[in-house]
Protein backbone atom coordinates (compact mmCIF):
# COMPACT_ATOMS: atom_id res chain seq x y z
CA MET A 1 121.56 134.80 329.80
CA ARG A 2 117.41 134.36 329.43
CA GLY A 3 116.20 132.50 332.79
CA GLY A 4 118.91 133.28 334.77
CA ARG A 5 118.52 135.53 337.80
CA GLY A 6 121.21 137.98 339.97
CA PRO A 7 121.38 137.93 343.34
CA ARG A 8 119.17 140.92 343.28
CA GLN A 9 115.98 139.14 341.62
CA ASP A 10 116.90 136.35 344.37
CA GLU A 11 116.91 138.65 347.11
CA GLU A 12 113.58 140.41 346.12
CA GLN A 13 111.91 136.89 345.56
CA GLN A 14 112.13 136.87 349.94
CA TRP A 15 110.19 139.45 350.26
CA SER A 16 106.39 138.95 350.85
CA ARG A 17 103.38 141.48 351.03
CA LEU A 18 99.98 141.86 352.68
CA ASP A 19 96.89 140.61 351.65
CA PRO A 20 95.21 142.50 349.16
CA ARG A 21 92.03 142.35 350.58
CA THR A 22 93.16 144.79 353.38
CA VAL A 23 92.10 147.79 351.44
CA LEU A 24 88.60 146.48 351.08
CA VAL A 25 88.55 145.35 355.15
CA ARG A 26 89.77 149.19 355.37
CA GLY A 27 87.60 150.64 353.29
CA VAL A 28 84.40 148.46 355.12
CA LEU A 29 85.29 149.38 358.78
CA PHE A 30 86.39 153.22 358.10
CA ALA A 31 82.88 153.58 356.50
CA GLY A 32 81.05 152.18 359.48
CA VAL A 33 82.97 154.58 361.35
CA LEU A 34 81.79 157.65 358.86
CA LEU A 35 78.28 156.81 359.14
CA GLY A 36 78.25 156.58 362.62
CA ALA A 37 79.74 159.77 363.22
CA GLY A 38 78.00 161.66 359.81
CA LEU A 39 74.51 160.60 361.21
CA PRO A 40 74.57 162.83 364.18
CA VAL A 41 75.84 165.71 362.12
CA ALA A 42 72.86 165.41 359.56
CA PHE A 43 70.11 165.12 362.63
CA GLY A 44 72.12 168.09 363.71
CA LEU A 45 71.79 170.36 360.07
CA ALA A 46 68.26 169.09 359.12
CA GLY A 47 66.94 171.03 362.32
CA SER A 48 67.77 174.45 360.19
CA ARG A 49 67.94 173.42 356.48
CA PRO A 50 65.80 170.89 354.62
CA ALA A 51 66.91 167.31 355.75
CA ARG A 52 67.46 166.34 352.43
CA GLN A 53 70.48 169.10 351.73
CA ALA A 54 71.13 167.97 355.12
CA PHE A 55 71.80 164.24 354.16
CA GLY A 56 72.99 165.45 350.96
CA TRP A 57 75.98 167.01 351.96
CA VAL A 58 76.73 164.95 354.63
CA PHE A 59 76.85 161.50 352.98
CA GLY A 60 79.00 163.65 349.91
CA ALA A 61 81.81 164.67 352.40
CA VAL A 62 81.87 161.15 353.82
CA LEU A 63 82.08 159.39 349.88
CA LEU A 64 85.27 161.85 349.46
CA VAL A 65 86.64 160.82 352.96
CA LEU A 66 86.57 157.65 352.27
CA ALA A 67 88.11 157.49 349.04
CA ALA A 68 90.60 158.89 350.19
CA ASP A 69 91.07 156.52 352.69
CA VAL A 70 90.61 154.14 350.53
CA VAL A 71 93.52 155.73 347.80
CA ALA A 72 95.85 155.65 351.06
CA GLU A 73 95.63 152.44 351.79
CA ALA A 74 96.21 150.96 348.58
CA LEU A 75 99.09 152.90 348.62
CA ARG A 76 100.25 151.95 351.97
CA LEU A 77 99.61 148.56 350.66
CA ARG A 78 101.90 148.79 347.86
CA ARG A 79 104.53 150.12 349.59
CA THR A 80 104.41 147.49 352.77
CA ARG A 81 106.71 144.31 352.52
CA TYR A 82 107.54 141.86 354.96
CA ARG A 83 110.80 139.19 355.36
CA VAL A 84 111.38 136.72 357.88
CA GLY A 85 115.11 135.68 357.48
CA PRO A 86 117.59 133.59 359.57
CA GLU A 87 118.49 135.99 361.89
CA ARG A 88 115.85 139.32 361.08
CA VAL A 89 112.40 139.67 360.55
CA GLU A 90 112.06 143.14 358.27
CA LEU A 91 108.89 145.43 357.15
CA HIS A 92 109.04 147.94 355.20
CA THR A 93 106.52 150.24 354.55
CA GLY A 94 105.21 154.04 354.20
CA PHE A 95 104.82 156.60 351.26
CA LEU A 96 105.72 159.62 352.49
CA VAL A 97 107.41 159.02 354.96
CA VAL A 98 109.62 155.21 354.31
CA GLN A 99 109.93 153.29 357.78
CA ARG A 100 112.52 150.20 357.55
CA ARG A 101 112.21 147.86 360.66
CA SER A 102 113.59 145.00 362.05
CA LEU A 103 113.62 142.55 364.68
CA ALA A 104 116.38 139.81 365.31
CA ARG A 105 114.59 136.27 365.59
CA ASP A 106 116.73 135.72 368.58
CA ARG A 107 115.26 138.06 370.51
CA ILE A 108 111.80 137.46 369.41
CA ARG A 109 109.54 136.26 372.27
CA SER A 110 105.44 136.38 370.73
CA ALA A 111 103.72 136.16 367.50
CA ASP A 112 100.14 137.11 368.43
CA LEU A 113 96.92 136.65 366.04
CA THR A 114 93.76 138.92 366.01
CA ALA A 115 90.68 138.84 363.77
CA ASN A 116 87.57 140.87 364.50
CA PRO A 117 84.43 139.49 362.50
CA LEU A 118 84.93 140.94 358.91
CA GLN A 119 88.25 139.90 358.90
CA ARG A 120 87.29 136.19 360.02
CA LEU A 121 84.85 136.19 357.03
CA LEU A 122 87.51 136.87 354.78
CA GLY A 123 89.89 134.89 356.55
CA LEU A 124 92.10 137.69 357.39
CA VAL A 125 94.60 138.33 360.71
CA LYS A 126 96.52 140.58 362.06
CA VAL A 127 99.81 139.40 363.60
CA ARG A 128 101.73 141.23 366.22
CA ILE A 129 105.61 140.23 366.70
CA GLY A 130 107.27 141.38 369.69
CA THR A 131 110.69 141.21 371.77
CA GLY A 132 109.16 141.65 375.38
CA GLU A 133 111.19 145.04 375.83
CA HIS A 134 110.11 148.04 375.84
CA THR A 135 112.18 151.24 374.49
CA GLY A 136 111.08 154.28 373.84
CA GLY A 137 108.17 153.58 376.47
CA GLY A 138 106.58 151.50 374.15
CA GLU A 139 107.28 147.88 373.39
CA SER A 140 109.53 146.62 370.01
CA THR A 141 107.31 144.88 368.08
CA LEU A 142 106.13 144.94 364.31
CA GLU A 143 102.29 144.59 363.51
CA LEU A 144 101.39 142.92 359.67
CA ASP A 145 98.17 144.10 359.09
CA LEU A 146 96.72 141.90 357.23
CA VAL A 147 97.66 137.80 356.29
CA THR A 148 96.00 135.18 355.45
CA ARG A 149 95.09 132.79 358.39
CA ALA A 150 97.55 130.10 357.33
CA GLU A 151 99.93 132.80 356.61
CA GLY A 152 99.52 134.07 360.30
CA GLU A 153 100.04 130.64 361.62
CA ARG A 154 102.98 129.88 359.54
CA LEU A 155 104.67 133.04 360.99
CA ARG A 156 103.41 132.49 364.45
CA ARG A 157 105.17 128.33 364.19
CA ALA A 158 108.14 129.80 362.57
CA LEU A 159 109.29 133.14 364.67
CA LEU A 160 108.37 131.13 367.89
CA ALA A 161 110.36 127.61 367.13
CA ARG A 162 112.62 126.78 369.65
CA ALA A 163 114.95 123.38 370.25
CA ALA A 164 113.06 120.00 369.94
CA ALA A 165 110.80 119.58 372.58
CA THR A 166 111.28 117.51 375.18
CA GLU A 167 108.84 115.21 376.87
CA SER A 168 107.69 117.25 379.44
CA ASP A 169 107.05 120.47 376.37
CA ARG A 170 104.26 118.11 374.74
CA ASP A 171 101.45 119.85 373.38
CA ASP A 172 98.48 119.65 376.11
CA ALA A 173 95.74 121.46 377.10
CA LEU A 174 96.11 123.21 380.54
CA ALA A 175 91.98 124.84 380.48
CA THR A 176 89.44 124.45 378.21
CA LEU A 177 86.22 126.21 378.46
CA ASP A 178 83.35 125.42 380.72
CA PRO A 179 80.29 127.11 379.63
CA ARG A 180 79.81 127.66 383.54
CA TRP A 181 81.93 129.64 384.29
CA ILE A 182 80.04 132.63 382.41
CA ARG A 183 77.87 132.86 385.97
CA TYR A 184 80.67 134.90 387.36
CA ALA A 185 80.00 137.31 385.00
CA PRO A 186 77.61 140.02 386.18
CA VAL A 187 79.23 139.66 389.98
CA SER A 188 82.22 141.80 388.32
CA PHE A 189 82.61 145.12 388.61
CA LEU A 190 81.93 145.95 385.33
CA ALA A 191 78.19 144.98 385.23
CA PRO A 192 77.39 148.64 387.14
CA ALA A 193 79.82 150.52 384.76
CA PHE A 194 77.66 149.19 382.06
CA GLY A 195 74.93 149.80 383.94
CA GLY A 196 75.65 153.67 384.24
CA ALA A 197 77.28 153.64 380.38
CA ALA A 198 73.92 152.21 378.92
CA VAL A 199 72.24 155.40 381.00
CA GLY A 200 74.40 157.56 379.19
CA ALA A 201 74.17 155.98 376.15
CA VAL A 202 70.54 156.31 376.08
CA LEU A 203 70.45 159.83 377.12
CA GLN A 204 72.90 160.82 374.63
CA VAL A 205 71.15 159.25 371.32
CA SER A 206 68.06 160.84 372.99
CA GLU A 207 70.07 163.99 372.40
CA TRP A 208 71.02 163.48 368.54
CA PHE A 209 67.44 163.11 367.96
CA GLY A 210 66.45 165.96 369.86
CA ALA A 211 63.85 163.67 371.80
CA GLN A 212 65.49 164.18 375.41
CA ALA A 213 62.93 165.93 376.93
CA GLU A 214 60.33 163.59 375.80
CA LEU A 215 62.35 160.94 376.75
CA VAL A 216 62.35 162.65 380.48
CA ASP A 217 59.19 163.49 380.43
CA TRP A 218 58.13 159.78 379.47
CA MET A 219 60.07 158.38 382.43
CA GLY A 220 58.53 161.26 384.66
CA ASP A 221 55.16 160.05 383.72
CA ARG A 222 55.62 155.93 384.68
CA PHE A 223 56.66 157.04 387.92
CA GLN A 224 54.35 159.59 388.61
CA ASP A 225 52.63 157.99 391.51
CA VAL A 226 56.18 156.46 393.14
CA SER A 227 57.91 157.78 395.46
CA ALA A 228 61.55 159.37 395.29
CA THR A 229 62.63 156.79 397.55
CA TRP A 230 61.37 153.65 395.25
CA ILE A 231 62.50 155.72 391.61
CA VAL A 232 66.17 155.65 392.95
CA VAL A 233 65.67 151.69 393.91
CA ASP A 234 63.79 150.83 390.78
CA LEU A 235 66.49 153.06 388.73
CA ILE A 236 69.16 150.91 390.46
CA LEU A 237 67.90 147.98 389.92
CA LEU A 238 67.21 148.52 386.16
CA ALA A 239 71.02 149.91 386.06
CA THR A 240 71.85 146.53 387.27
CA ALA A 241 70.27 144.54 385.16
CA VAL A 242 71.33 146.03 381.84
CA GLY A 243 74.84 146.16 383.20
CA ALA A 244 74.69 142.44 383.91
CA VAL A 245 73.25 142.00 380.44
CA GLY A 246 76.66 143.85 379.42
CA ALA A 247 78.95 141.64 381.17
CA LEU A 248 77.32 138.55 380.33
CA ALA A 249 77.92 139.28 376.55
CA LEU A 250 81.16 140.73 376.77
CA TRP A 251 82.28 137.53 378.96
CA ALA A 252 80.94 135.71 375.79
CA GLU A 253 83.19 137.90 373.38
CA THR A 254 86.98 137.74 375.20
CA TRP A 255 86.02 133.98 376.31
CA TRP A 256 84.14 132.03 374.13
CA ASN A 257 85.79 128.81 372.78
CA TYR A 258 89.06 129.46 375.39
CA ARG A 259 91.66 127.41 375.66
CA LEU A 260 95.29 127.79 377.17
CA GLU A 261 98.02 124.70 375.88
CA ARG A 262 101.26 124.11 376.23
CA GLU A 263 102.71 123.80 373.37
CA PRO A 264 105.96 121.80 372.11
CA GLY A 265 109.37 124.22 372.99
CA GLY A 266 107.94 125.81 376.29
CA THR A 267 105.07 128.22 374.65
CA LEU A 268 101.76 129.05 376.63
CA ARG A 269 99.05 129.95 373.79
CA VAL A 270 95.77 131.25 374.64
CA SER A 271 92.89 131.25 372.13
CA ARG A 272 90.23 132.94 372.92
CA GLY A 273 87.17 135.32 371.58
CA LEU A 274 83.76 134.83 369.82
CA LEU A 275 83.22 137.62 367.14
CA THR A 276 87.06 138.93 368.03
CA THR A 277 89.35 136.09 367.72
CA ARG A 278 92.52 136.43 369.74
CA SER A 279 95.71 133.94 369.97
CA VAL A 280 98.23 135.12 372.16
CA SER A 281 101.53 133.08 373.13
CA LEU A 282 104.06 133.43 375.99
CA GLU A 283 107.43 131.86 376.15
CA GLU A 284 107.86 130.37 379.38
CA ARG A 285 111.28 131.64 379.43
CA ARG A 286 109.65 135.20 380.12
CA LEU A 287 107.06 133.59 382.88
CA ARG A 288 108.40 134.85 386.38
CA GLY A 289 104.78 133.76 388.54
CA VAL A 290 101.64 134.23 388.46
CA GLU A 291 98.89 136.21 390.18
CA LEU A 292 95.59 134.90 391.59
CA VAL A 293 93.18 137.56 391.49
CA GLU A 294 89.65 137.77 393.32
CA PRO A 295 87.35 140.94 392.92
CA LEU A 296 85.17 141.29 395.96
CA GLY A 297 82.14 139.68 393.69
CA VAL A 298 83.52 136.49 392.22
CA ARG A 299 85.80 136.08 395.80
CA MET A 300 82.22 135.74 397.63
CA CYS A 301 81.14 133.01 394.47
CA GLY A 302 84.32 131.40 395.63
CA ALA A 303 86.02 131.87 392.08
CA ALA A 304 89.48 133.89 390.80
CA ARG A 305 91.32 134.35 387.83
CA VAL A 306 94.94 133.60 386.90
CA ASP A 307 97.47 136.39 385.74
CA ALA A 308 100.66 136.01 383.90
CA VAL A 309 103.60 137.52 385.51
CA ALA A 310 106.17 137.84 383.10
CA THR A 311 108.69 140.18 381.10
CA GLY A 312 107.80 142.57 378.33
CA LEU A 313 103.99 141.70 378.84
CA VAL A 314 102.50 144.41 380.57
CA GLN A 315 104.34 147.52 381.99
CA SER A 316 101.28 149.26 383.69
CA ALA A 317 97.48 149.24 383.47
CA ASP A 318 97.48 151.84 380.92
CA ASP A 319 99.18 149.48 378.45
CA LYS A 320 96.53 149.05 375.75
CA HIS A 321 98.07 145.32 375.72
CA ALA A 322 97.26 144.57 378.90
CA GLU A 323 94.80 141.93 378.37
CA LEU A 324 97.46 140.08 376.99
CA LYS A 325 98.40 138.94 380.70
CA ASN A 326 95.24 136.92 381.54
CA LEU A 327 95.80 133.30 381.53
CA VAL A 328 92.27 131.76 382.97
CA PRO A 329 88.93 133.51 382.93
CA PRO A 330 87.29 133.98 386.76
CA VAL A 331 86.61 129.92 387.32
CA GLU A 332 86.05 128.09 390.39
CA ARG A 333 89.13 128.55 393.46
CA ALA A 334 90.25 124.79 392.63
CA VAL A 335 90.30 124.94 389.00
CA ALA A 336 92.32 128.35 389.48
CA ASP A 337 95.04 127.11 391.59
CA ARG A 338 95.17 123.54 389.86
CA VAL A 339 96.01 124.96 386.84
CA ALA A 340 98.16 128.04 388.60
CA GLY A 341 100.75 124.89 389.44
CA GLN A 342 100.32 123.18 385.93
CA ILE A 343 101.35 126.77 384.48
CA LEU A 344 104.64 126.53 386.54
CA ARG A 345 105.21 122.98 386.68
CA GLU A 346 104.85 122.92 390.56
CA PRO A 347 103.04 119.58 391.70
CA GLU A 348 101.40 122.25 394.40
CA PRO A 349 99.77 124.87 393.53
CA PRO A 350 101.66 127.93 395.25
CA THR A 351 98.68 130.31 395.03
CA GLY A 352 97.39 127.35 397.68
CA ALA A 353 100.10 127.28 400.00
CA PRO A 354 99.82 128.33 403.68
CA LEU A 355 100.65 131.67 404.52
CA THR A 356 102.00 133.52 407.50
CA ALA A 357 99.69 136.00 408.97
CA HIS A 358 100.82 139.29 409.59
CA PRO A 359 100.92 140.77 414.02
CA ARG A 360 97.83 142.47 415.23
CA ALA A 361 99.28 146.00 414.76
CA ALA A 362 98.42 145.86 411.39
CA ARG A 363 94.92 145.37 412.04
CA THR A 364 94.82 147.64 414.06
CA ARG A 365 95.95 150.15 411.46
CA ARG A 366 93.21 149.40 409.03
CA LEU A 367 90.64 149.83 411.63
CA ARG A 368 92.00 153.20 412.89
CA ARG A 369 92.14 154.04 408.70
CA ALA A 370 88.32 152.54 408.06
CA LEU A 371 87.05 154.46 411.11
CA ALA A 372 88.67 157.84 409.94
CA GLY A 373 87.49 157.13 406.52
CA VAL A 374 83.86 157.33 407.56
CA LEU A 375 84.13 159.44 410.90
CA GLY A 376 85.97 162.54 409.13
CA PRO A 377 82.56 162.82 406.45
CA VAL A 378 80.42 162.20 409.20
CA ALA A 379 81.59 164.74 411.10
CA VAL A 380 81.86 167.61 408.19
CA LEU A 381 77.96 166.52 407.47
CA ALA A 382 77.56 166.82 411.14
CA LEU A 383 79.15 170.56 411.51
CA LEU A 384 77.54 171.35 407.71
CA GLY A 385 74.20 170.62 409.64
CA GLN A 386 74.50 172.73 412.69
CA VAL A 387 75.16 175.34 410.90
CA LEU A 388 73.26 175.02 407.59
CA ALA A 389 70.80 172.46 407.39
CA PRO A 390 69.45 170.71 410.07
CA PHE A 391 68.53 167.72 407.65
CA LEU A 392 72.30 167.09 407.29
CA LEU A 393 72.59 165.63 410.72
CA TYR A 394 69.81 162.98 410.32
CA VAL A 395 71.93 162.66 406.77
CA ALA A 396 75.43 162.14 409.47
CA ALA A 397 73.73 160.07 411.41
CA GLY A 398 72.63 157.90 408.75
CA CYS A 399 75.98 157.36 407.37
CA ALA A 400 77.84 156.34 410.88
CA VAL A 401 75.38 154.01 411.64
CA VAL A 402 75.29 152.50 408.35
CA LEU A 403 79.22 152.92 407.18
CA THR A 404 80.51 152.18 410.23
CA PRO A 405 79.76 148.64 410.54
CA LEU A 406 80.87 148.62 406.75
CA ALA A 407 84.30 149.82 407.31
CA VAL A 408 85.03 147.47 410.49
CA LEU A 409 84.20 144.63 408.06
CA GLY A 410 86.56 145.62 405.33
CA ALA A 411 89.44 146.37 407.89
CA LEU A 412 89.25 143.07 409.42
CA ASP A 413 89.14 141.69 406.03
CA ALA A 414 91.76 143.55 404.55
CA HIS A 415 93.85 142.08 408.01
CA ARG A 416 92.70 138.73 406.93
CA ALA A 417 94.04 138.73 403.38
CA LEU A 418 97.93 139.99 404.82
CA GLY A 419 99.92 136.81 404.46
CA HIS A 420 103.52 136.10 403.25
CA GLY A 421 105.51 132.82 402.60
CA VAL A 422 107.37 130.75 400.69
CA SER A 423 106.46 127.40 398.49
CA GLY A 424 109.50 125.76 396.98
CA ALA A 425 111.02 127.78 394.13
CA TYR A 426 108.68 131.05 394.71
CA LEU A 427 107.76 133.78 397.33
CA VAL A 428 103.78 134.13 398.16
CA THR A 429 102.53 137.21 399.22
CA ARG A 430 98.96 138.20 399.35
CA SER A 431 96.68 141.33 399.98
CA GLY A 432 93.44 143.31 399.68
CA THR A 433 89.71 142.94 400.10
CA LEU A 434 87.82 144.96 397.64
CA ARG A 435 90.36 143.08 394.98
CA ARG A 436 92.62 140.34 396.71
CA THR A 437 95.41 139.28 394.90
CA THR A 438 97.90 136.91 395.68
CA THR A 439 101.30 136.64 394.14
CA VAL A 440 103.31 133.81 393.33
CA LEU A 441 106.80 135.33 392.03
CA GLN A 442 109.97 133.04 391.20
CA ARG A 443 112.68 133.43 393.81
CA SER A 444 115.49 133.68 391.44
CA GLY A 445 113.33 136.46 389.47
CA VAL A 446 114.05 138.84 391.93
CA ILE A 447 116.46 141.45 391.63
CA GLY A 448 116.61 143.46 394.85
CA TRP A 449 114.50 144.19 398.46
CA THR A 450 113.21 147.83 398.77
CA VAL A 451 112.53 148.39 402.83
CA LYS A 452 110.15 150.98 404.16
CA GLN A 453 108.67 152.49 407.32
CA SER A 454 106.38 155.38 407.81
CA TYR A 455 106.37 156.92 411.09
CA PHE A 456 103.28 155.07 411.77
CA GLN A 457 104.50 151.87 411.14
CA ARG A 458 107.97 152.36 413.01
CA ARG A 459 105.80 153.07 415.99
CA ALA A 460 103.76 150.04 415.41
CA GLY A 461 106.47 147.70 414.82
CA LEU A 462 106.10 147.36 411.25
CA LEU A 463 107.73 147.83 407.73
CA THR A 464 106.63 147.08 404.33
CA ILE A 465 108.98 144.94 401.76
CA THR A 466 109.00 145.48 398.00
CA ALA A 467 110.20 142.69 395.90
CA THR A 468 111.17 144.00 392.58
CA THR A 469 111.75 142.04 389.32
CA ALA A 470 111.88 143.08 386.07
CA ALA A 471 108.69 141.48 385.12
CA GLY A 472 104.63 142.97 385.66
CA GLU A 473 104.28 145.49 387.44
CA GLY A 474 107.74 145.38 388.45
CA ALA A 475 107.43 145.49 392.02
CA TYR A 476 105.41 143.61 394.50
CA GLU A 477 104.81 144.62 398.27
CA VAL A 478 104.61 142.99 401.39
CA ILE A 479 102.85 145.33 403.34
CA ASP A 480 102.62 145.31 407.21
CA VAL A 481 104.36 142.89 408.40
CA GLY A 482 106.63 142.81 411.69
CA VAL A 483 109.99 144.04 411.45
CA GLY A 484 112.05 141.17 412.47
CA GLU A 485 109.60 138.74 410.72
CA GLY A 486 109.85 140.91 407.51
CA LEU A 487 113.80 140.71 407.56
CA ALA A 488 113.78 137.21 408.12
CA PHE A 489 111.61 136.60 405.04
CA ALA A 490 113.04 139.01 402.43
CA ALA A 491 116.61 137.11 403.89
CA GLY A 492 115.08 133.38 403.75
CA ALA A 493 113.44 133.81 400.11
CA VAL A 494 116.68 135.04 398.48
CA PRO A 495 119.64 135.27 400.65
CA ASP A 496 122.28 136.84 398.06
CA LEU A 497 120.10 140.13 397.88
CA LEU A 498 119.75 140.87 401.88
CA ALA A 499 122.05 139.34 403.62
CA PRO A 500 125.30 141.64 403.58
CA PHE A 501 122.63 144.08 404.84
CA LEU A 502 121.82 141.80 407.99
CA GLU A 503 123.43 141.14 411.43
CA PRO A 504 122.08 138.84 413.92
CA VAL A 505 121.12 140.57 417.16
CA GLY A 506 121.25 139.30 420.71
CA VAL A 507 124.14 137.72 422.66
CA PRO A 508 126.66 136.31 420.78
CA GLU A 509 126.17 132.31 421.86
CA ALA A 510 122.47 132.72 420.14
CA ARG A 511 123.03 135.19 417.42
CA SER A 512 121.97 132.52 414.84
CA GLN A 513 119.05 131.65 416.27
CA GLN A 514 117.95 134.97 417.01
CA SER A 515 115.64 137.21 414.19
CA PRO A 516 117.92 138.96 412.21
CA ARG A 517 118.11 142.99 412.03
CA THR A 518 120.28 145.54 409.47
CA LYS A 519 123.24 146.56 410.22
CA SER A 520 123.38 150.67 410.33
CA GLY A 521 125.07 151.92 407.25
CA GLY A 522 122.83 149.85 405.25
CA GLY A 523 122.99 151.11 402.38
CA GLY A 524 119.36 152.46 403.30
CA THR A 525 118.08 149.05 402.76
CA GLY A 526 116.12 148.50 406.30
CA PRO A 527 114.39 150.63 408.21
CA PRO A 528 115.47 153.66 409.99
C-alpha cells in the first residue's frame, strides 16, 4: 500500500548523517597544510630553475592532492552514519574498509565537544563519545566529525542523562574565568620553551628563504661592540620575553571563557577556549580525587592548579587527551583549595589539611643526593682541568660556588614538601619541589598497597608506600616515610587491605598501643 512503511524503512529513519559542510572544512584545512608544506619546496626548487616553473609544479601538485582528498572526504561522508538507540550508540563508516562500531549507552561516561575557529564560524562541532575504558591500548571512543552545534549539545545531554537530579546536583558554577589569572602564565615552564622554539623557528624560516647567513651576519653587526657575556645575557632575556608573550597567548587560547559547573545528574563540565572551544564532561562517579599541582614558578607566586584523578580519563603523560584532566587553571592557592573542596563535596578542602612531616632521615637522603649531583660533575671538570685545559678548573670552581647552595636549598625544600595524612574519606600525600603535587585520593578507591624499601632506605629506617587505584596515573606514592609510621598510615587509611599482613610489636599487654609491623611471610607486602 502507498504510504505504508516496513520495518526496514523505520530502522533506516533512525540513522543520522554528518553535516555536509564537513567536506568544506576538511578541504580548507587540508589546503592550508598543503600550502604550508609546498611553499618551502617551491622556494627550494626556484633556486635551480625559473621561479614560475617551480611554483607552477608545486601549485599543480597541491591542486591534485587537494582534489583527491576532497573526493575521498565526500565518499567518507556518504558512507558515514550514526544512530543513538535506547541501548547502544552505533557508528558505521568506511569506503574500502567498512567499520561498524557501537558503545553501550549505560557504559558511556563522556561526550566532549570541540570546535576550531573555522568550525565555530560554520556552527559545527566534533563530538567525542567515550566509555572511560581502555581496550587494546586506547580508550574506547566514537568520534562524530562533524555535526551542528545544536545536534552536538543534544547528543551530550541525551548520552549523559541519568536519574533525576537531587537538590545537591542542581546546575551550579563552581568557578568562572577571572582575567587576573593570566598573570601566572609567564611564570610557567612553557615560557622558556616557547622562547627557544621561537629562535629555532626564525632560523628555520630564514633557511627556507636562503637568508640564514644574512640573518646571522645582521645579528653579529648588532652585537659587534658587546662582550660575549652580555651577548648571552641579552639573547636569554630576548628569548624569555618572546616566550612570555607566547605563554600569554597560549593561556588565552586555552582558558578564555573558562567555566567549571556541576550539572544535574552528577556531571562536572569544563568549557573553555578562545579560538578552539572545548567542552569536557566528567561523571562524578568516575572521580576518585584531585591533584593540586604547583610548578615552581607558579608556587612562588602563591598559585596552584587543580587536576582530576578519575577512571578512564588519562593513563599516561603521553596520552593525547591528557589535557582533559585539567579542571582549574593556575589560580590563587586559596581559590584552588576552595574549588577542590567543592568538587569533592567536602566542607573542608582536603588539599589544605595538615600533613605529617617525614623524618630527618628523609632530609639527609635528599641532601646527599643533591650534593652528589653537584660534586660529581665538578670533580669531572676539575680532573679534566688538571689533564687537558686549566681554564676548566675555574669552571669547576664557579659551578661549585653557584650550584652547591642551590642544591642544598632544593633538597631542603623537597624535604619540606614531603607529607601525608588522612582527611575524612580521603588520604592525602604531597611531594616534589620543581613540581609539587598534593594528591587527594578517595580511600575507597585504593585497591592495593605496594611497600618498597631499598638498601639505603633500610639503613635509614625509611620506606616508600604506593597506593594503587584504577584512576589517574594508577599509583600514588608516599615517599621516604618512617617504617612504623608508614605502615600505620597505610593500615589506618584502608584497614582491610594491609591489616592481614601486619602484627603489633611489643609485650602482649601493650601490643595494641605499639606501631604495627609486617608479619614474616606477608606475601611480599612489607619491607624485607
